[in-house]
Amino acid sequence: MRKFLKSLLSAALCLVLLISVFSAVTFAVPASDADIYALFDAESGQMLYLNNGTKHVSPSFVSRVVTTLIACETVDPEETVTVTADAVVLAAGASNIGLKKGENVRYIDLMYAAVIYGAEDAANAIGISVSGSLEAFADKMNQRAVQAGATDTLLGNPGGAYEQTTYTTVADASAILLEALENDTFRRICTASGYDLPPNNIRKTVFSIEKSDFAMIDRESPYFYSGALGGAVGYIKSEGSSGFAYVQRGDMLLVSVVFGAKNKASRYSSLKGVLDYGFDNFVRKTVTFEPRSVPVVENGMVVATVGIYAGDSATYLLHKAVSADSVKMDFSVREVYTKYDIAPEVIISLPPTVTQMCPDIGTYVLSYNVSQLDQPYPYKSEDATDGPSKPDTDPVKKGMSLWIKIPLIILAVAAAFAVMLAVLYAVAESRRRKRARERRRRRREAGVTRKKREE
């Protein structure tokens, strides 16, 4: 019986250990060799996780992304440009497609080469053709970066060649990538698995980029990642490997960005680790908002009504370990609108103590429709409807988040096993005592029998 109890106790301890390990895996931070990384939702722009988000890094591939985005927005992709001497002046070891001075190449060919092949000569040719010089184009790049929300970035050349004075951050890189991926042409380029540059006035044969430098879309590569749509990579000798991955699984379209990986393998394992964290731990939630009608007033007259509601796009991603009760929604909905200032929105956030994800979820525009009135009428304050109900954010009333509940569940399971062991032990002890009493009774009866025989 004692051996049985020891075995049962060992099994209980193993179960508790397994539950603890599961809990640790569930709440683990992204598995990344690189210590500078970001994860964001490509559909809404929501930043899900950011590590060392403001640390300065060399722009590398980000420069080529900005260069190509500017080309996507400002030039005719089919237009042919002539390569200048400055475009083909490259640092030793720079990735290139061997462009020559005087070569006539279409913008679209240069754009594909810059993104999926990392060709610095192609990026330089774009910059000089757009702005007249590398220096002038660098100014344009920085202006476009600021427009994208990159406020801590300084770019110096179209191809991402290393310069001590240039820098960006993974947070800024994410802001730039979010805008770039919203551009149909850029998205088509960065998701290409290969590309053929046609012959031209100097190159008499096709220059074939058989495979993109981004290996996560290559099914034959050890770095293949299911759901990967595209991406781009970079390398700076003094800082290591970098890149971004654009991946879709189910209803989630995520982007991971890494800087400072030790090598190619580390870059891809870091990109994968950050993506795994996203797909394994986040679920999509819908903004809850009670529809309401708000009057539109002009010159004291109600001329229309605005129906405000949460549309299908009003969704956000929430970590499984974070309780939905801790989500705070601040609705910005007026009681009265003028005809030209209708902009209902909701700001969604989490307590700053949340560590599993970025607490600032984002600002979302609510949907609305305007119904004009055939017969306007004078506005009265009672025409304004009550504001929408908001989630209860009282910390006393909020439910415990899952990261608190899990340890309590583990303790409850352990306590249940302890009670079960105590009961089993009590039953076993009762049986032992009963058997002992039976043995003593039998011995007494046997002693009485022997005594009678002797007499």
Protein backbone atom coordinates (compact mmCIF):
# COMPACT_ATOMS: atom_id res chain seq x y z
CA MET A 1 0.00 0.00 0.00
CA ARG A 2 2.83 2.39 0.82
CA LYS A 3 4.39 1.74 -2.60
CA PHE A 4 1.04 2.45 -4.20
CA LEU A 5 0.72 5.74 -2.32
CA LYS A 6 4.25 6.75 -3.31
CA SER A 7 3.46 6.03 -6.97
CA LEU A 8 0.25 8.02 -6.75
CA LEU A 9 2.05 10.93 -5.13
CA SER A 10 4.70 10.88 -7.88
CA ALA A 11 2.00 10.95 -10.54
CA ALA A 12 0.32 13.91 -8.84
CA LEU A 13 3.57 15.83 -8.70
CA CYS A 14 4.25 15.10 -12.38
CA LEU A 15 0.80 16.38 -13.31
CA VAL A 16 1.31 19.59 -11.35
CA LEU A 17 4.72 20.03 -13.02
CA LEU A 18 3.20 19.55 -16.47
CA ILE A 19 0.51 22.13 -15.73
CA SER A 20 3.19 24.55 -14.53
CA VAL A 21 5.24 23.99 -17.70
CA PHE A 22 2.15 24.55 -19.85
CA SER A 23 1.47 27.75 -17.98
CA ALA A 24 5.05 28.94 -18.55
CA VAL A 25 4.88 28.17 -22.28
CA THR A 26 1.56 29.99 -22.62
CA PHE A 27 2.94 33.20 -21.15
CA ALA A 28 6.46 33.02 -22.61
CA VAL A 29 7.84 36.04 -24.41
CA PRO A 30 8.60 35.64 -28.13
CA ALA A 31 11.42 33.20 -28.80
CA SER A 32 13.92 35.40 -30.63
CA ASP A 33 17.70 35.23 -30.88
CA ALA A 34 17.67 38.88 -31.93
CA ASP A 35 16.92 41.27 -29.06
CA ILE A 36 15.36 43.99 -31.23
CA TYR A 37 12.04 42.95 -32.68
CA ALA A 38 8.41 43.89 -33.22
CA LEU A 39 5.14 42.15 -34.06
CA PHE A 40 2.15 43.99 -35.49
CA ASP A 41 -1.21 43.35 -37.13
CA ALA A 42 -0.96 44.32 -40.81
CA GLU A 43 -4.71 44.92 -41.09
CA SER A 44 -5.22 47.39 -38.26
CA GLY A 45 -1.66 48.47 -37.50
CA GLN A 46 -2.01 47.33 -33.89
CA MET A 47 1.42 46.84 -32.31
CA LEU A 48 1.23 43.50 -30.50
CA TYR A 49 4.73 43.21 -29.04
CA LEU A 50 7.77 45.46 -29.06
CA ASN A 51 11.21 44.75 -27.65
CA ASN A 52 13.87 47.47 -27.58
CA GLY A 53 11.55 49.46 -29.80
CA THR A 54 13.46 52.75 -29.57
CA LYS A 55 17.01 51.41 -29.89
CA HIS A 56 18.86 52.85 -32.89
CA VAL A 57 19.84 50.41 -35.64
CA SER A 58 21.15 50.77 -39.16
CA PRO A 59 18.26 51.17 -41.66
CA SER A 60 19.49 48.40 -43.99
CA PHE A 61 16.47 46.91 -45.82
CA VAL A 62 14.20 49.71 -44.53
CA SER A 63 15.92 52.14 -46.90
CA ARG A 64 15.06 49.94 -49.90
CA VAL A 65 11.48 49.64 -48.68
CA VAL A 66 11.12 53.45 -48.54
CA THR A 67 12.81 53.81 -51.94
CA THR A 68 10.45 51.33 -53.55
CA LEU A 69 7.40 52.80 -51.81
CA ILE A 70 8.23 56.25 -53.18
CA ALA A 71 8.56 54.76 -56.67
CA CYS A 72 5.23 52.95 -56.26
CA GLU A 73 3.57 56.25 -55.38
CA THR A 74 5.25 58.68 -57.80
CA VAL A 75 6.33 57.04 -61.07
CA ASP A 76 4.95 54.99 -63.93
CA PRO A 77 6.34 51.48 -63.31
CA GLU A 78 6.66 50.86 -67.06
CA GLU A 79 8.71 53.98 -67.67
CA THR A 80 12.31 53.35 -68.73
CA VAL A 81 15.15 55.17 -66.98
CA THR A 82 18.84 55.44 -67.84
CA VAL A 83 21.35 54.31 -65.24
CA THR A 84 23.92 56.97 -64.30
CA ALA A 85 27.51 56.54 -63.17
CA ASP A 86 26.65 57.46 -59.57
CA ALA A 87 24.11 54.65 -59.35
CA VAL A 88 26.71 51.94 -59.85
CA VAL A 89 29.24 53.20 -57.33
CA LEU A 90 28.88 50.62 -54.57
CA ALA A 91 30.72 49.56 -51.46
CA ALA A 92 32.62 46.29 -51.57
CA GLY A 93 30.33 43.32 -51.13
CA ALA A 94 27.12 45.23 -51.80
CA SER A 95 24.33 43.19 -53.35
CA ASN A 96 23.71 44.23 -56.96
CA ILE A 97 22.40 43.10 -60.35
CA GLY A 98 25.41 44.41 -62.28
CA LEU A 99 23.86 47.53 -63.78
CA LYS A 100 26.03 49.52 -66.18
CA LYS A 101 26.20 53.24 -66.90
CA GLY A 102 23.87 54.05 -69.80
CA GLU A 103 21.72 50.95 -69.31
CA ASN A 104 18.00 51.51 -69.93
CA VAL A 105 15.82 49.74 -67.36
CA ARG A 106 12.15 49.99 -66.43
CA TYR A 107 11.25 51.26 -62.98
CA ILE A 108 9.34 48.07 -62.21
CA ASP A 109 12.44 45.94 -62.90
CA LEU A 110 14.51 48.10 -60.56
CA MET A 111 11.81 47.91 -57.88
CA TYR A 112 11.70 44.11 -57.90
CA ALA A 113 15.50 43.89 -57.83
CA ALA A 114 15.73 46.33 -54.90
CA VAL A 115 13.23 44.45 -52.72
CA ILE A 116 13.51 40.73 -53.42
CA TYR A 117 17.21 40.75 -54.36
CA GLY A 118 18.41 43.60 -52.13
CA ALA A 119 20.15 45.21 -55.11
CA GLU A 120 21.70 48.52 -54.06
CA ASP A 121 22.50 49.57 -57.63
CA ALA A 122 18.83 49.16 -58.56
CA ALA A 123 17.75 51.26 -55.54
CA ASN A 124 20.31 53.94 -56.42
CA ALA A 125 19.04 54.06 -60.01
CA ILE A 126 15.50 54.63 -58.71
CA GLY A 127 16.59 57.41 -56.38
CA ILE A 128 18.64 59.32 -58.95
CA SER A 129 15.92 58.98 -61.60
CA VAL A 130 13.23 60.28 -59.23
CA SER A 131 15.12 63.18 -57.62
CA GLY A 132 18.17 63.85 -59.77
CA SER A 133 20.76 62.90 -57.16
CA LEU A 134 21.27 60.55 -54.24
CA GLU A 135 21.37 63.46 -51.80
CA ALA A 136 18.09 64.95 -53.03
CA PHE A 137 16.41 61.56 -52.89
CA ALA A 138 17.63 61.01 -49.31
CA ASP A 139 15.70 64.15 -48.33
CA LYS A 140 12.63 62.75 -50.04
CA MET A 141 13.07 59.45 -48.22
CA ASN A 142 13.17 61.16 -44.85
CA GLN A 143 10.08 63.20 -45.65
CA ARG A 144 8.20 60.05 -46.61
CA ALA A 145 9.38 58.26 -43.47
CA VAL A 146 8.00 61.06 -41.30
CA GLN A 147 4.69 60.89 -43.16
CA ALA A 148 4.51 57.21 -42.24
CA GLY A 149 5.00 58.04 -38.57
CA ALA A 150 8.73 57.35 -38.33
CA THR A 151 9.87 60.17 -36.04
CA ASP A 152 13.21 58.70 -34.97
CA THR A 153 14.71 57.78 -38.34
CA LEU A 154 17.42 59.31 -40.53
CA LEU A 155 17.99 57.72 -43.93
CA GLY A 156 21.03 58.52 -46.06
CA ASN A 157 20.88 56.51 -49.29
CA PRO A 158 18.36 54.54 -51.39
CA GLY A 159 20.02 51.13 -51.09
CA GLY A 160 20.61 50.93 -47.34
CA ALA A 161 24.40 51.02 -47.51
CA TYR A 162 25.92 51.44 -44.05
CA GLU A 163 26.58 54.99 -42.89
CA GLN A 164 27.48 55.89 -39.32
CA THR A 165 25.09 58.84 -39.30
CA THR A 166 21.97 56.96 -40.45
CA TYR A 167 19.61 55.14 -38.13
CA THR A 168 16.08 53.91 -37.50
CA THR A 169 14.25 51.93 -34.83
CA VAL A 170 12.18 48.77 -35.03
CA ALA A 171 9.13 50.84 -34.04
CA ASP A 172 9.73 53.25 -36.92
CA ALA A 173 10.48 50.40 -39.31
CA SER A 174 7.10 48.89 -38.39
CA ALA A 175 5.31 52.17 -39.12
CA ILE A 176 7.00 52.37 -42.54
CA LEU A 177 6.21 48.74 -43.36
CA LEU A 178 2.57 49.20 -42.40
CA GLU A 179 2.17 51.94 -45.01
CA ALA A 180 4.22 50.09 -47.62
CA LEU A 181 2.13 46.93 -47.27
CA GLU A 182 -1.03 48.95 -47.87
CA ASN A 183 0.29 49.77 -51.36
CA ASP A 184 -0.86 47.16 -53.88
CA THR A 185 2.25 47.43 -56.06
CA PHE A 186 4.68 47.16 -53.16
CA ARG A 187 2.75 44.22 -51.74
CA ARG A 188 2.89 42.45 -55.10
CA ILE A 189 6.66 43.02 -55.29
CA CYS A 190 7.54 41.86 -51.78
CA THR A 191 5.48 38.67 -52.16
CA ALA A 192 7.17 37.60 -55.40
CA SER A 193 9.16 34.37 -55.24
CA GLY A 194 11.34 35.36 -58.20
CA TYR A 195 11.58 37.75 -61.14
CA ASP A 196 13.04 37.95 -64.64
CA LEU A 197 14.57 41.25 -65.78
CA PRO A 198 14.20 41.40 -69.57
CA PRO A 199 17.08 42.18 -71.95
CA ASN A 200 17.80 45.84 -72.67
CA ASN A 201 20.15 48.02 -74.68
CA ILE A 202 23.21 46.70 -72.83
CA ARG A 203 22.15 43.41 -71.23
CA LYS A 204 21.31 41.06 -74.09
CA THR A 205 19.98 38.19 -71.99
CA VAL A 206 17.39 37.80 -69.27
CA PHE A 207 18.67 38.42 -65.75
CA SER A 208 16.77 35.88 -63.71
CA ILE A 209 16.24 36.28 -59.98
CA GLU A 210 15.29 32.64 -59.52
CA LYS A 211 14.53 32.93 -55.84
CA SER A 212 13.79 35.82 -53.56
CA ASP A 213 16.37 36.52 -50.86
CA PHE A 214 13.46 36.05 -48.47
CA ALA A 215 13.60 32.28 -47.86
CA MET A 216 10.47 31.84 -45.74
CA ILE A 217 8.30 31.59 -48.88
CA ASP A 218 10.51 28.92 -50.47
CA ARG A 219 9.03 25.46 -49.81
CA GLU A 220 12.40 23.87 -50.52
CA SER A 221 14.19 26.01 -47.96
CA PRO A 222 14.78 24.91 -44.36
CA TYR A 223 13.52 28.37 -43.41
CA PHE A 224 10.10 27.89 -45.03
CA TYR A 225 7.22 29.11 -42.85
CA SER A 226 3.63 28.10 -43.47
CA GLY A 227 1.47 31.07 -44.41
CA ALA A 228 4.40 33.34 -45.29
CA LEU A 229 3.40 35.72 -48.10
CA GLY A 230 6.57 37.76 -48.46
CA GLY A 231 9.21 39.89 -46.84
CA ALA A 232 12.66 41.38 -47.25
CA VAL A 233 16.04 40.97 -45.58
CA GLY A 234 19.19 42.96 -44.94
CA TYR A 235 22.67 42.60 -43.54
CA ILE A 236 25.11 45.07 -42.04
CA LYS A 237 28.48 43.60 -41.05
CA SER A 238 28.73 45.59 -37.82
CA GLU A 239 25.13 44.92 -36.75
CA GLY A 240 24.16 41.57 -38.20
CA SER A 241 21.09 40.38 -40.07
CA SER A 242 17.67 41.98 -40.20
CA GLY A 243 14.39 41.57 -42.03
CA PHE A 244 10.63 41.44 -41.96
CA ALA A 245 8.10 38.67 -42.62
CA TYR A 246 4.52 39.14 -43.82
CA VAL A 247 2.36 36.14 -42.91
CA GLN A 248 -1.30 35.16 -42.98
CA ARG A 249 -2.95 32.36 -41.02
CA GLY A 250 -6.70 32.19 -40.55
CA ASP A 251 -8.10 35.63 -39.78
CA MET A 252 -4.73 37.08 -38.76
CA LEU A 253 -2.29 38.90 -41.03
CA LEU A 254 0.85 39.53 -38.99
CA VAL A 255 4.24 41.13 -39.62
CA SER A 256 7.37 40.42 -37.61
CA VAL A 257 10.44 42.66 -37.81
CA VAL A 258 13.87 41.85 -36.39
CA PHE A 259 17.23 43.60 -36.18
CA GLY A 260 20.59 42.48 -34.83
CA ALA A 261 20.38 38.74 -35.54
CA LYS A 262 23.77 37.01 -35.47
CA ASN A 263 23.45 35.42 -38.90
CA LYS A 264 20.98 34.22 -41.53
CA ALA A 265 19.75 31.26 -39.47
CA SER A 266 19.29 33.47 -36.41
CA ARG A 267 17.35 36.01 -38.48
CA TYR A 268 14.85 33.43 -39.68
CA SER A 269 14.51 31.67 -36.34
CA SER A 270 13.84 35.07 -34.73
CA LEU A 271 11.24 36.02 -37.34
CA LYS A 272 9.56 32.64 -36.83
CA GLY A 273 9.71 32.84 -33.04
CA VAL A 274 8.05 36.24 -32.99
CA LEU A 275 5.37 35.08 -35.46
CA ASP A 276 4.71 31.89 -33.48
CA TYR A 277 4.12 34.01 -30.41
CA GLY A 278 1.51 35.97 -32.31
CA PHE A 279 -0.35 33.09 -33.91
CA ASP A 280 -0.25 30.90 -30.79
CA ASN A 281 -1.34 33.50 -28.25
CA PHE A 282 -3.60 36.10 -29.84
CA VAL A 283 -7.30 35.97 -30.71
CA ARG A 284 -9.43 38.50 -32.56
CA LYS A 285 -11.99 40.44 -30.56
CA THR A 286 -14.81 42.71 -31.71
CA VAL A 287 -15.41 46.22 -30.43
CA THR A 288 -18.72 46.27 -28.56
CA PHE A 289 -20.73 49.45 -29.07
CA GLU A 290 -24.43 50.09 -28.65
CA PRO A 291 -25.63 51.78 -31.88
CA ARG A 292 -26.99 55.27 -31.43
CA SER A 293 -28.41 58.16 -33.42
CA VAL A 294 -26.95 61.67 -33.12
CA PRO A 295 -28.42 64.86 -34.61
CA VAL A 296 -26.55 67.01 -37.11
CA VAL A 297 -27.18 70.69 -36.40
CA GLU A 298 -26.62 73.68 -38.66
CA ASN A 299 -27.70 77.21 -37.68
CA GLY A 300 -29.76 75.83 -34.81
CA MET A 301 -31.67 73.42 -37.02
CA VAL A 302 -31.47 69.62 -37.06
CA VAL A 303 -30.76 68.87 -40.73
CA ALA A 304 -29.76 65.20 -40.49
CA THR A 305 -29.15 62.31 -38.15
CA VAL A 306 -26.01 60.21 -37.84
CA GLY A 307 -26.35 56.50 -37.12
CA ILE A 308 -23.18 55.35 -35.36
CA TYR A 309 -22.25 51.70 -34.96
CA ALA A 310 -19.26 49.38 -34.76
CA GLY A 311 -18.58 48.04 -38.25
CA ASP A 312 -17.07 44.72 -39.23
CA SER A 313 -13.59 46.26 -39.27
CA ALA A 314 -13.79 47.31 -35.62
CA THR A 315 -11.73 44.41 -34.29
CA TYR A 316 -8.52 44.07 -32.33
CA LEU A 317 -6.19 41.30 -31.18
CA LEU A 318 -5.96 40.28 -27.53
CA HIS A 319 -3.51 37.93 -25.83
CA LYS A 320 -5.19 34.81 -24.47
CA ALA A 321 -3.66 35.43 -21.05
CA VAL A 322 -5.21 38.89 -20.77
CA SER A 323 -8.76 39.06 -19.47
CA ALA A 324 -11.26 40.81 -21.75
CA ASP A 325 -12.54 42.52 -18.60
CA SER A 326 -9.29 44.51 -18.38
CA VAL A 327 -9.78 46.08 -21.82
CA LYS A 328 -10.66 49.77 -21.55
CA MET A 329 -12.67 51.41 -24.34
CA ASP A 330 -12.94 55.21 -24.42
CA PHE A 331 -15.57 56.22 -26.95
CA SER A 332 -15.39 59.64 -28.58
CA VAL A 333 -18.96 60.23 -29.73
CA ARG A 334 -20.49 63.70 -29.56
CA GLU A 335 -24.04 64.44 -28.55
CA VAL A 336 -24.34 66.83 -31.50
CA TYR A 337 -22.45 67.01 -34.80
CA THR A 338 -22.08 69.68 -37.42
CA LYS A 339 -22.16 68.61 -41.02
CA TYR A 340 -18.41 68.42 -41.44
CA ASP A 341 -16.95 67.13 -38.19
CA ILE A 342 -18.32 63.58 -37.92
CA ALA A 343 -15.48 61.40 -36.66
CA PRO A 344 -16.66 58.93 -34.01
CA GLU A 345 -13.90 56.73 -32.66
CA VAL A 346 -12.87 54.50 -29.79
CA ILE A 347 -9.50 54.36 -28.05
CA ILE A 348 -8.72 50.88 -26.75
CA SER A 349 -6.06 50.22 -24.13
CA LEU A 350 -4.95 47.92 -21.33
CA PRO A 351 -3.47 48.61 -17.90
CA PRO A 352 0.27 49.43 -18.14
CA THR A 353 1.00 46.41 -15.92
CA VAL A 354 0.12 44.03 -18.77
CA THR A 355 3.34 42.45 -20.07
CA GLN A 356 2.10 39.87 -22.56
CA MET A 357 1.36 42.52 -25.21
CA CYS A 358 1.55 46.24 -25.89
CA PRO A 359 -1.03 47.96 -23.66
CA ASP A 360 -1.88 50.66 -26.23
CA ILE A 361 -4.11 48.69 -28.56
CA GLY A 362 -5.06 51.61 -30.79
CA THR A 363 -7.67 54.07 -32.02
CA TYR A 364 -10.47 52.75 -34.19
CA VAL A 365 -12.92 54.76 -36.27
CA LEU A 366 -16.54 53.76 -35.74
CA SER A 367 -18.82 53.32 -38.75
CA TYR A 368 -21.66 55.74 -39.39
CA ASN A 369 -24.24 56.76 -41.96
CA VAL A 370 -25.91 60.14 -42.45
CA SER A 371 -29.61 60.50 -43.17
CA GLN A 372 -30.66 63.91 -44.46
CA LEU A 373 -34.01 65.25 -43.23
CA ASP A 374 -36.52 66.49 -45.75
CA GLN A 375 -37.88 68.91 -43.18
CA PRO A 376 -35.30 70.31 -40.73
CA TYR A 377 -36.57 71.31 -37.30
CA PRO A 378 -35.24 73.47 -34.43
CA TYR A 379 -32.65 71.74 -32.24
CA LYS A 380 -33.48 71.06 -28.61
CA SER A 381 -31.08 69.59 -26.07
CA GLU A 382 -33.37 66.61 -25.56
CA ASP A 383 -32.74 65.64 -29.19
CA ALA A 384 -29.29 64.48 -28.10
CA THR A 385 -29.23 60.85 -27.09
CA ASP A 386 -27.46 59.45 -24.08
CA GLY A 387 -23.90 58.33 -24.57
CA PRO A 388 -23.12 54.67 -25.21
CA SER A 389 -22.59 52.32 -22.36
CA LYS A 390 -18.96 51.65 -21.62
CA PRO A 391 -17.34 48.49 -20.30
CA ASP A 392 -16.94 48.50 -16.55
CA THR A 393 -13.29 49.31 -15.89
CA ASP A 394 -13.54 49.48 -12.09
CA PRO A 395 -10.52 47.47 -10.91
CA VAL A 396 -12.53 46.15 -7.96
CA LYS A 397 -15.24 44.76 -10.24
CA LYS A 398 -12.98 43.48 -12.98
CA GLY A 399 -12.48 39.77 -13.27
CA MET A 400 -9.08 38.35 -12.57
CA SER A 401 -6.90 38.06 -15.64
CA LEU A 402 -5.94 34.60 -16.76
CA TRP A 403 -2.33 34.88 -15.57
CA ILE A 404 -3.70 35.10 -12.02
CA LYS A 405 -6.30 32.38 -12.50
CA ILE A 406 -3.84 29.78 -13.85
CA PRO A 407 -1.67 29.60 -10.70
CA LEU A 408 -4.83 29.39 -8.61
CA ILE A 409 -6.06 26.52 -10.79
CA ILE A 410 -2.71 24.78 -10.33
CA LEU A 411 -2.96 25.19 -6.57
CA ALA A 412 -6.53 23.91 -6.64
CA VAL A 413 -5.49 20.82 -8.59
CA ALA A 414 -2.61 20.21 -6.20
CA ALA A 415 -4.94 20.63 -3.21
CA ALA A 416 -7.43 18.21 -4.75
CA PHE A 417 -4.70 15.62 -5.15
CA ALA A 418 -3.57 16.19 -1.59
CA VAL A 419 -7.13 15.63 -0.32
CA MET A 420 -7.43 12.51 -2.47
CA LEU A 421 -4.15 11.17 -1.11
CA ALA A 422 -5.31 11.88 2.45
CA VAL A 423 -8.56 10.01 1.86
CA LEU A 424 -6.79 7.07 0.28
CA TYR A 425 -4.31 6.99 3.13
CA ALA A 426 -7.13 7.07 5.70
CA VAL A 427 -8.94 4.22 3.95
CA ALA A 428 -5.73 2.21 3.68
CA GLU A 429 -4.91 2.84 7.33
CA SER A 430 -8.42 1.76 8.39
CA ARG A 431 -8.06 -1.46 6.43
CA ARG A 432 -4.64 -2.10 7.92
CA ARG A 433 -5.95 -1.69 11.43
CA LYS A 434 -8.90 -3.96 10.68
CA ARG A 435 -6.55 -6.67 9.37
CA ALA A 436 -4.34 -6.25 12.44
CA ARG A 437 -7.35 -6.71 14.74
CA GLU A 438 -8.41 -9.78 12.77
CA ARG A 439 -4.91 -11.28 13.09
CA ARG A 440 -4.89 -10.67 16.86
CA ARG A 441 -8.35 -12.24 17.20
CA ARG A 442 -7.23 -15.31 15.27
CA ARG A 443 -4.10 -15.63 17.38
CA ARG A 444 -6.19 -15.47 20.59
CA GLU A 445 -8.58 -18.09 19.26
CA ALA A 446 -5.66 -20.30 18.20
CA GLY A 447 -4.13 -19.93 21.69
CA VAL A 448 -7.39 -20.95 23.39
CA THR A 449 -7.71 -23.99 21.14
CA ARG A 450 -4.16 -25.18 21.93
CA LYS A 451 -4.74 -24.72 25.66
CA LYS A 452 -7.89 -26.88 25.55
CA ARG A 453 -6.03 -29.62 23.70
CA GLU A 454 -3.25 -29.62 26.29
CA GLU A 455 -5.78 -30.00 29.08
